[in-house]
N, C-alpha and C. Protein backbone atom coordinates (compact mmCIF):
# COMPACT_ATOMS: atom_id res chain seq x y z
N MET A 1 96.96 94.89 85.36
CA MET A 1 98.23 94.65 86.48
C MET A 1 99.38 95.51 85.82
N THR A 2 99.48 96.53 86.59
CA THR A 2 101.13 97.38 86.31
C THR A 2 102.16 97.37 87.30
N THR A 3 101.30 97.15 88.62
CA THR A 3 102.68 97.20 89.42
C THR A 3 101.93 95.96 90.90
N PHE A 4 103.42 95.25 91.65
CA PHE A 4 102.95 94.24 91.89
C PHE A 4 103.65 94.84 93.52
N ASN A 5 103.38 95.12 94.86
CA ASN A 5 104.24 95.29 95.76
C ASN A 5 105.09 96.20 95.53
N THR A 6 104.49 97.50 94.64
CA THR A 6 105.26 98.78 93.90
C THR A 6 106.49 97.96 93.22
N LEU A 7 106.72 96.72 92.87
CA LEU A 7 107.66 96.69 91.36
C LEU A 7 106.66 96.72 90.29
N PRO A 8 107.28 96.75 89.16
CA PRO A 8 106.74 96.64 87.91
C PRO A 8 106.33 95.20 87.62
N ALA A 9 104.91 95.37 87.31
CA ALA A 9 104.72 93.50 87.09
C ALA A 9 104.94 93.22 86.02
N HIS A 10 105.82 93.73 84.71
CA HIS A 10 106.37 93.09 83.86
C HIS A 10 107.60 92.48 84.25
N ILE A 11 108.38 92.93 85.06
CA ILE A 11 109.51 92.89 85.25
C ILE A 11 109.49 91.32 86.05
N LEU A 12 108.33 90.94 87.12
CA LEU A 12 107.88 89.98 87.48
C LEU A 12 107.40 88.96 86.84
N LEU A 13 106.20 89.02 85.65
CA LEU A 13 105.54 88.50 84.83
C LEU A 13 106.41 87.54 83.36
N VAL A 14 107.09 88.73 83.23
CA VAL A 14 108.51 88.39 82.09
C VAL A 14 109.05 86.63 82.55
N HIS A 15 109.18 86.81 83.76
CA HIS A 15 110.04 85.53 84.10
C HIS A 15 109.19 84.32 83.94
N LEU A 16 107.95 84.22 84.64
CA LEU A 16 107.13 83.63 84.32
C LEU A 16 107.13 83.14 82.49
N ILE A 17 106.90 84.10 81.49
CA ILE A 17 106.67 83.52 80.10
C ILE A 17 108.51 82.96 79.92
N VAL A 18 109.75 83.46 80.16
CA VAL A 18 110.88 82.97 80.02
C VAL A 18 110.62 81.31 80.82
N VAL A 19 110.13 80.85 81.83
CA VAL A 19 110.10 80.11 81.96
C VAL A 19 108.89 79.02 81.46
N LEU A 20 107.85 79.30 81.07
CA LEU A 20 106.82 78.64 80.93
C LEU A 20 107.04 78.37 79.23
N ALA A 21 107.06 79.30 78.52
CA ALA A 21 106.95 79.46 77.07
C ALA A 21 107.88 78.19 76.33
N PRO A 22 109.25 78.31 77.32
CA PRO A 22 110.44 77.36 76.71
C PRO A 22 109.87 75.84 77.44
N LEU A 23 109.54 75.83 78.63
CA LEU A 23 109.11 74.36 79.12
C LEU A 23 108.00 73.83 78.51
N THR A 24 107.17 74.91 77.88
CA THR A 24 105.80 74.28 77.22
C THR A 24 106.23 73.68 75.78
N ALA A 25 107.01 73.90 75.23
CA ALA A 25 107.68 73.71 74.09
C ALA A 25 108.52 72.45 73.71
N VAL A 26 109.22 72.51 74.75
CA VAL A 26 110.03 71.09 75.29
C VAL A 26 109.05 69.92 75.54
N LEU A 27 108.19 70.45 76.34
CA LEU A 27 107.21 68.97 76.57
C LEU A 27 106.37 69.06 74.97
N ALA A 28 106.09 69.83 75.06
CA ALA A 28 105.32 69.68 73.07
C ALA A 28 106.27 68.81 72.28
N ILE A 29 107.26 69.17 72.33
CA ILE A 29 108.18 68.18 71.52
C ILE A 29 108.66 66.76 71.75
N VAL A 30 108.78 66.87 73.10
CA VAL A 30 108.96 65.36 73.66
C VAL A 30 107.10 65.01 73.54
N CYS A 31 106.09 65.27 74.30
CA CYS A 31 105.01 64.38 73.94
C CYS A 31 104.66 64.07 71.89
N ALA A 32 105.21 64.90 71.34
CA ALA A 32 104.92 64.65 69.70
C ALA A 32 106.39 63.28 69.06
N LEU A 33 107.38 63.58 69.92
CA LEU A 33 108.01 62.88 69.14
C LEU A 33 108.12 61.22 70.12
N TRP A 34 107.71 61.27 71.14
CA TRP A 34 107.60 60.18 71.81
C TRP A 34 106.58 59.26 72.01
N PRO A 35 105.62 58.58 71.29
CA PRO A 35 104.11 58.46 71.93
C PRO A 35 103.78 58.22 73.28
N ALA A 36 104.94 57.51 74.02
CA ALA A 36 104.65 56.84 75.53
C ALA A 36 104.44 58.26 76.04
N ALA A 37 104.70 59.32 76.13
CA ALA A 37 104.90 60.52 76.68
C ALA A 37 103.46 60.94 76.25
N ARG A 38 103.13 60.96 75.15
CA ARG A 38 101.78 61.76 74.30
C ARG A 38 100.50 60.65 75.21
N LYS A 39 100.96 59.62 75.75
CA LYS A 39 99.56 58.34 75.80
C LYS A 39 99.26 58.67 77.55
N GLY A 40 100.62 59.52 78.08
CA GLY A 40 100.44 59.58 79.41
C GLY A 40 99.73 60.98 80.14
N HIS A 41 99.96 61.12 81.35
CA HIS A 41 99.64 62.70 81.82
C HIS A 41 99.76 63.83 80.99
N LEU A 42 101.53 63.37 80.69
CA LEU A 42 102.48 64.63 80.22
C LEU A 42 101.89 65.36 79.27
N VAL A 43 101.10 64.67 78.52
CA VAL A 43 100.20 65.69 77.55
C VAL A 43 99.04 66.91 78.00
N TRP A 44 98.45 66.20 78.95
CA TRP A 44 97.49 66.82 79.80
C TRP A 44 98.29 68.28 80.42
N LEU A 45 99.69 68.03 81.06
CA LEU A 45 100.28 68.91 81.35
C LEU A 45 100.91 70.14 80.53
N THR A 46 101.21 69.83 79.27
CA THR A 46 101.82 70.31 78.31
C THR A 46 100.31 71.53 78.02
N LEU A 47 99.25 71.09 77.95
CA LEU A 47 97.91 71.34 77.55
C LEU A 47 97.77 72.71 78.38
N ILE A 48 97.65 72.40 79.84
CA ILE A 48 97.62 73.52 80.87
C ILE A 48 98.88 74.46 80.88
N LEU A 49 100.24 74.58 80.79
CA LEU A 49 100.73 75.27 80.58
C LEU A 49 100.95 76.08 79.43
N ALA A 50 100.48 75.21 78.32
CA ALA A 50 100.02 76.37 77.07
C ALA A 50 99.21 77.47 77.46
N VAL A 51 98.06 76.71 77.87
CA VAL A 51 96.64 77.98 78.33
C VAL A 51 97.65 78.55 79.17
N LEU A 52 98.32 78.37 79.94
CA LEU A 52 98.41 79.02 81.17
C LEU A 52 99.56 80.61 80.42
N THR A 53 100.31 79.89 79.64
CA THR A 53 101.30 80.73 78.88
C THR A 53 100.37 81.83 77.90
N THR A 54 99.44 81.47 77.03
CA THR A 54 98.47 81.98 76.59
C THR A 54 97.83 82.92 77.06
N VAL A 55 97.62 82.92 78.44
CA VAL A 55 97.09 83.83 79.16
C VAL A 55 97.87 84.98 79.61
N LEU A 56 98.71 84.67 80.18
CA LEU A 56 99.85 85.51 80.86
C LEU A 56 100.64 86.15 79.52
N THR A 57 100.49 86.10 78.56
CA THR A 57 101.30 86.30 77.68
C THR A 57 100.80 88.12 77.30
N PRO A 58 99.41 87.81 77.02
CA PRO A 58 98.98 89.40 76.82
C PRO A 58 99.41 90.09 78.02
N ILE A 59 98.82 89.66 79.33
CA ILE A 59 99.22 90.68 80.37
C ILE A 59 100.61 90.78 80.96
N THR A 60 101.61 90.14 80.01
CA THR A 60 102.90 90.49 80.73
C THR A 60 103.11 91.44 79.52
N THR A 61 102.67 91.41 78.25
CA THR A 61 102.83 92.38 77.52
C THR A 61 102.50 93.85 77.40
N HIS A 62 101.05 93.65 78.42
CA HIS A 62 100.40 94.85 78.97
C HIS A 62 101.29 95.58 79.86
N ALA A 63 101.68 95.04 80.31
CA ALA A 63 102.51 95.36 81.66
C ALA A 63 103.76 95.78 81.31
N GLY A 64 104.87 95.71 80.03
CA GLY A 64 105.89 96.39 79.31
C GLY A 64 105.20 97.39 78.59
N GLU A 65 103.90 97.44 77.96
CA GLU A 65 103.93 98.62 77.36
C GLU A 65 103.36 99.73 78.35
N TRP A 66 102.91 99.40 79.41
CA TRP A 66 102.54 100.30 80.94
C TRP A 66 104.17 101.11 81.33
N LEU A 67 105.36 100.17 81.55
CA LEU A 67 106.18 100.70 81.65
C LEU A 67 106.86 101.40 80.56
N TYR A 68 107.02 100.81 79.45
CA TYR A 68 107.44 101.40 77.99
C TYR A 68 106.83 102.60 78.16
N ASN A 69 105.48 103.07 78.39
CA ASN A 69 105.17 104.62 78.26
C ASN A 69 105.90 105.45 79.41
N LEU A 70 106.41 104.94 80.32
CA LEU A 70 106.71 105.61 81.85
C LEU A 70 108.24 106.46 81.18
N ARG A 71 109.04 105.63 79.83
CA ARG A 71 110.00 106.35 79.78
C ARG A 71 109.98 107.58 79.21
N ARG A 72 110.78 108.58 79.55
CA ARG A 72 110.70 109.74 78.57
C ARG A 72 111.84 109.61 77.69
N SER A 73 112.56 109.06 77.17
CA SER A 73 113.40 108.59 76.11
C SER A 73 113.26 107.25 75.38
N VAL A 74 112.90 106.57 74.70
CA VAL A 74 112.70 105.25 74.24
C VAL A 74 114.13 104.94 73.19
N THR A 75 115.23 104.28 73.45
CA THR A 75 116.21 103.88 72.95
C THR A 75 115.93 102.89 71.61
N PRO A 76 116.49 102.87 70.64
CA PRO A 76 116.16 101.59 69.74
C PRO A 76 116.23 100.29 70.12
N ILE A 77 117.00 99.99 70.78
CA ILE A 77 117.13 98.78 71.58
C ILE A 77 115.76 98.21 72.09
N LEU A 78 115.51 99.28 73.10
CA LEU A 78 114.32 99.27 73.79
C LEU A 78 113.12 99.18 72.61
N ARG A 79 113.08 99.79 71.54
CA ARG A 79 111.47 99.78 70.59
C ARG A 79 111.70 98.04 70.04
N GLU A 80 112.68 97.82 69.57
CA GLU A 80 113.23 96.29 69.25
C GLU A 80 112.63 95.65 70.19
N HIS A 81 112.89 95.49 71.67
CA HIS A 81 112.14 94.62 72.77
C HIS A 81 110.59 94.68 72.88
N ALA A 82 110.39 95.76 72.48
CA ALA A 82 108.55 96.13 72.62
C ALA A 82 107.91 95.61 71.20
N ASP A 83 108.95 95.56 70.15
CA ASP A 83 108.11 94.89 69.30
C ASP A 83 108.28 93.70 69.15
N ARG A 84 109.31 92.97 69.64
CA ARG A 84 109.85 91.78 69.59
C ARG A 84 108.54 91.26 70.52
N GLY A 85 108.10 91.79 71.84
CA GLY A 85 107.45 91.24 72.51
C GLY A 85 105.97 91.22 72.04
N ASP A 86 105.80 91.84 71.64
CA ASP A 86 104.09 91.80 70.65
C ASP A 86 103.77 91.05 70.26
N THR A 87 104.76 89.97 69.35
CA THR A 87 105.06 88.80 68.37
C THR A 87 104.69 87.76 69.32
N MET A 88 105.00 88.23 70.35
CA MET A 88 105.28 86.58 71.62
C MET A 88 103.67 85.89 71.30
N ILE A 89 102.36 86.95 71.48
CA ILE A 89 101.03 86.46 71.61
C ILE A 89 100.88 84.71 70.39
N TRP A 90 101.23 85.19 68.93
CA TRP A 90 101.55 84.57 68.05
C TRP A 90 102.16 83.13 68.52
N PHE A 91 103.30 83.15 69.11
CA PHE A 91 103.97 81.89 69.42
C PHE A 91 103.15 81.25 70.45
N SER A 92 102.60 82.16 71.41
CA SER A 92 101.87 81.30 72.68
C SER A 92 100.82 80.51 72.20
N LEU A 93 100.14 81.18 71.33
CA LEU A 93 98.83 80.51 70.66
C LEU A 93 99.45 79.38 69.83
N ALA A 94 100.37 79.94 68.80
CA ALA A 94 101.05 78.56 68.31
C ALA A 94 101.44 76.96 68.98
N LEU A 95 102.02 77.96 70.33
CA LEU A 95 102.27 76.31 71.18
C LEU A 95 101.33 75.84 71.53
N LEU A 96 99.38 76.97 71.97
CA LEU A 96 98.43 76.04 72.45
C LEU A 96 97.87 75.51 70.99
N VAL A 97 97.92 75.73 70.27
CA VAL A 97 97.25 75.43 68.91
C VAL A 97 98.05 73.57 69.05
N VAL A 98 99.20 73.47 68.82
CA VAL A 98 100.41 72.56 69.18
C VAL A 98 99.70 71.35 70.18
N ALA A 99 99.41 72.04 71.43
CA ALA A 99 98.80 71.08 72.66
C ALA A 99 97.85 70.68 72.49
N ALA A 100 96.84 71.43 72.05
CA ALA A 100 95.55 71.15 71.58
C ALA A 100 95.60 69.76 70.59
N ALA A 101 96.46 70.13 69.46
CA ALA A 101 96.32 69.00 68.97
C ALA A 101 97.30 67.45 69.46
N LEU A 102 98.06 67.68 70.15
CA LEU A 102 98.20 66.51 71.07
C LEU A 102 97.79 65.88 72.05
N ALA A 103 96.66 66.79 72.38
CA ALA A 103 95.54 66.36 73.28
C ALA A 103 94.59 65.58 72.51
N GLY A 104 94.41 65.86 71.26
CA GLY A 104 93.46 65.28 70.44
C GLY A 104 94.13 63.93 70.05
N LEU A 105 94.97 63.64 69.88
CA LEU A 105 95.70 62.67 69.44
C LEU A 105 95.92 61.90 70.63
N ASN A 106 95.95 62.23 71.94
CA ASN A 106 95.84 61.22 72.68
C ASN A 106 94.64 60.54 72.94
N VAL A 107 93.28 61.48 73.04
CA VAL A 107 92.23 61.23 73.12
C VAL A 107 91.54 60.20 71.93
N ALA A 108 92.18 60.56 70.73
CA ALA A 108 91.87 59.68 69.51
C ALA A 108 92.67 58.40 69.82
N GLU A 109 93.59 58.18 70.28
CA GLU A 109 94.36 56.86 70.42
C GLU A 109 94.01 56.24 71.78
N ARG A 110 93.60 56.84 72.85
CA ARG A 110 92.87 56.12 73.81
C ARG A 110 91.87 55.36 73.28
N ARG A 111 90.61 56.49 72.35
CA ARG A 111 89.38 55.40 71.64
C ARG A 111 89.36 54.54 70.84
N GLY A 112 91.06 54.50 70.26
CA GLY A 112 91.24 53.08 69.41
C GLY A 112 91.11 53.89 68.15
N LYS A 113 90.87 55.29 67.76
CA LYS A 113 90.44 55.51 66.32
C LYS A 113 91.33 55.52 65.41
N ALA A 114 91.36 55.08 64.12
CA ALA A 114 92.00 54.87 63.31
C ALA A 114 92.75 55.97 62.68
N LEU A 115 93.68 56.57 62.33
CA LEU A 115 94.28 57.89 61.98
C LEU A 115 95.38 57.62 60.81
N HIS A 116 94.94 58.32 60.28
CA HIS A 116 95.87 58.33 59.37
C HIS A 116 97.11 58.34 59.57
N ARG A 117 98.04 57.70 59.07
CA ARG A 117 99.99 57.35 59.81
C ARG A 117 100.33 58.97 59.46
N LEU A 118 99.87 59.71 58.43
CA LEU A 118 100.67 60.83 58.70
C LEU A 118 100.46 61.95 59.30
N VAL A 119 99.20 61.82 59.99
CA VAL A 119 98.73 62.93 61.18
C VAL A 119 99.43 62.96 62.39
N PRO A 120 99.97 61.91 63.10
CA PRO A 120 100.86 62.05 64.32
C PRO A 120 102.21 62.62 63.52
N ILE A 121 102.73 62.15 62.42
CA ILE A 121 103.97 62.65 61.98
C ILE A 121 103.39 64.28 61.03
N ALA A 122 102.79 64.58 61.19
CA ALA A 122 102.34 66.21 60.48
C ALA A 122 102.28 67.10 61.86
N VAL A 123 101.58 66.28 63.11
CA VAL A 123 101.64 66.92 64.23
C VAL A 123 103.11 67.28 65.00
N ALA A 124 103.81 66.31 64.59
CA ALA A 124 105.27 66.18 65.27
C ALA A 124 105.92 67.11 64.73
N VAL A 125 105.95 67.35 63.27
CA VAL A 125 106.65 68.05 62.37
C VAL A 125 106.48 69.33 63.11
N LEU A 126 104.87 70.05 63.09
CA LEU A 126 104.39 71.31 63.80
C LEU A 126 104.72 71.35 64.99
N ALA A 127 105.06 70.47 65.80
CA ALA A 127 105.48 70.85 67.03
C ALA A 127 107.20 71.13 67.25
N VAL A 128 107.62 70.54 66.70
CA VAL A 128 109.21 70.99 66.75
C VAL A 128 109.43 72.20 66.58
N VAL A 129 108.66 72.39 65.07
CA VAL A 129 109.02 73.46 64.25
C VAL A 129 108.58 74.78 65.28
N VAL A 130 107.40 74.89 65.88
CA VAL A 130 106.74 75.65 66.74
C VAL A 130 107.60 75.88 67.98
N GLY A 131 107.61 74.79 68.59
CA GLY A 131 108.82 74.65 69.60
C GLY A 131 110.04 75.43 69.57
N VAL A 132 110.70 74.87 68.59
CA VAL A 132 111.85 75.53 68.38
C VAL A 132 112.00 77.13 68.16
N ALA A 133 110.84 77.64 66.79
CA ALA A 133 110.70 79.15 67.01
C ALA A 133 110.27 79.69 68.17
N SER A 134 109.53 79.20 68.80
CA SER A 134 109.07 79.80 70.17
C SER A 134 110.15 79.83 71.23
N ILE A 135 110.69 78.89 71.28
CA ILE A 135 112.25 78.96 72.16
C ILE A 135 113.42 79.95 71.78
N VAL A 136 113.32 80.36 70.42
CA VAL A 136 114.18 81.51 70.12
C VAL A 136 113.66 82.64 70.24
N GLN A 137 112.28 82.83 69.98
CA GLN A 137 111.66 83.93 69.99
C GLN A 137 111.88 84.76 71.56
N VAL A 138 111.68 83.67 72.32
CA VAL A 138 111.84 84.06 73.68
C VAL A 138 112.86 84.38 74.09
N TYR A 139 114.39 83.72 73.65
CA TYR A 139 115.36 84.41 74.02
C TYR A 139 115.86 85.96 73.06
N ARG A 140 115.49 86.11 71.90
CA ARG A 140 115.29 87.04 71.10
C ARG A 140 114.61 87.85 72.24
N ILE A 141 113.78 87.93 72.65
CA ILE A 141 112.81 89.18 73.25
C ILE A 141 113.87 89.48 74.24
N GLY A 142 113.93 88.32 75.11
CA GLY A 142 114.43 88.83 76.27
C GLY A 142 115.91 89.20 76.35
N ASP A 143 116.46 88.91 75.35
CA ASP A 143 118.10 89.61 74.62
C ASP A 143 117.85 90.88 74.69
N SER A 144 116.74 91.32 73.93
CA SER A 144 116.85 92.79 73.88
C SER A 144 116.23 93.52 74.90
N GLY A 145 115.41 92.67 75.95
CA GLY A 145 115.42 93.54 76.85
C GLY A 145 115.87 93.41 77.78
N ALA A 146 116.96 92.69 78.00
CA ALA A 146 117.93 92.60 78.76
C ALA A 146 119.24 93.78 78.32
N GLN A 147 119.43 93.78 76.58
CA GLN A 147 120.30 94.85 76.55
C GLN A 147 119.63 96.42 76.46
N SER A 148 118.42 96.41 76.51
CA SER A 148 117.93 97.83 76.80
C SER A 148 117.87 98.02 77.98
N VAL A 149 118.16 97.34 79.19
CA VAL A 149 118.08 97.70 80.51
C VAL A 149 119.61 97.97 80.94
N TRP A 150 120.42 96.57 80.71
CA TRP A 150 121.46 96.30 81.27
C TRP A 150 122.61 96.80 79.80
N GLY A 151 122.65 97.01 78.70
CA GLY A 151 123.71 97.78 77.76
C GLY A 151 124.24 96.75 77.70
N ASN A 152 125.66 97.69 77.77
CA ASN A 152 126.82 96.71 77.49
C ASN A 152 127.90 96.32 79.16
N GLU A 153 127.02 96.90 79.75
CA GLU A 153 127.44 96.36 81.46
C GLU A 153 127.77 94.91 81.90
N ILE A 154 127.28 94.00 81.41
CA ILE A 154 127.70 92.74 81.55
C ILE A 154 128.86 92.50 80.73
N SER A 155 129.14 92.67 79.74
CA SER A 155 130.59 92.41 78.81
C SER A 155 131.24 93.48 79.32
N HIS A 156 131.09 94.61 79.87
CA HIS A 156 132.47 95.10 80.97
C HIS A 156 132.65 94.50 82.11
N LEU A 157 131.67 93.65 82.64
CA LEU A 157 131.92 93.02 83.71
C LEU A 157 132.57 92.05 83.54
N GLN A 158 132.67 90.97 82.53
CA GLN A 158 133.26 90.01 82.06
C GLN A 158 134.82 90.24 81.34
N ASN A 159 134.89 91.25 81.18
CA ASN A 159 136.26 91.63 80.98
C ASN A 159 136.75 92.93 81.40
N PRO A 160 136.86 93.07 82.62
CA PRO A 160 136.67 94.39 83.36
C PRO A 160 137.99 94.64 82.86
N GLN A 161 138.49 96.39 82.75
CA GLN A 161 139.57 97.05 82.22
C GLN A 161 140.37 97.58 83.43
N PRO A 162 141.85 97.36 83.44
CA PRO A 162 142.74 97.81 84.48
C PRO A 162 142.53 99.52 84.90
N HIS A 163 142.24 99.17 86.04
CA HIS A 163 142.22 101.01 86.90
C HIS A 163 143.77 101.45 86.56
N ASN A 164 143.75 102.58 86.16
CA ASN A 164 145.01 103.41 85.93
C ASN A 164 145.21 104.30 87.29
């Protein structure tokens, strides 16, 4: 998918990733740190969102590569954005692993399986590390993408220079 109704698909798809990845990360952290959330339906929503994020990430990256290849000249910030965007699949996969581990804990806890007390702690640490790293990476990718499109125009709008 490269275009949608004449718009570059990357422009539309990237907004899904910008919402889904941090939302999935926050839900994973909540489920990991709050056992009541993990025991309810929230863990399954987290897993579904992690799967959706993992599926949409390469589609979004592919659409971005198509758009990148249309450019006659590639700026360093655009190249940085593309390089950072290529790393997002690893963060999406890490969120999927965490969500699957949380779902596994949910199933084990519901079945009354005796787990070593360090297992939920290890999953919680992993969820926090992966969740925070994913949110930071989405920000870094988005910031470089915005800079490649808008450059310093936004800062000029925030600090307008008087006209002579």
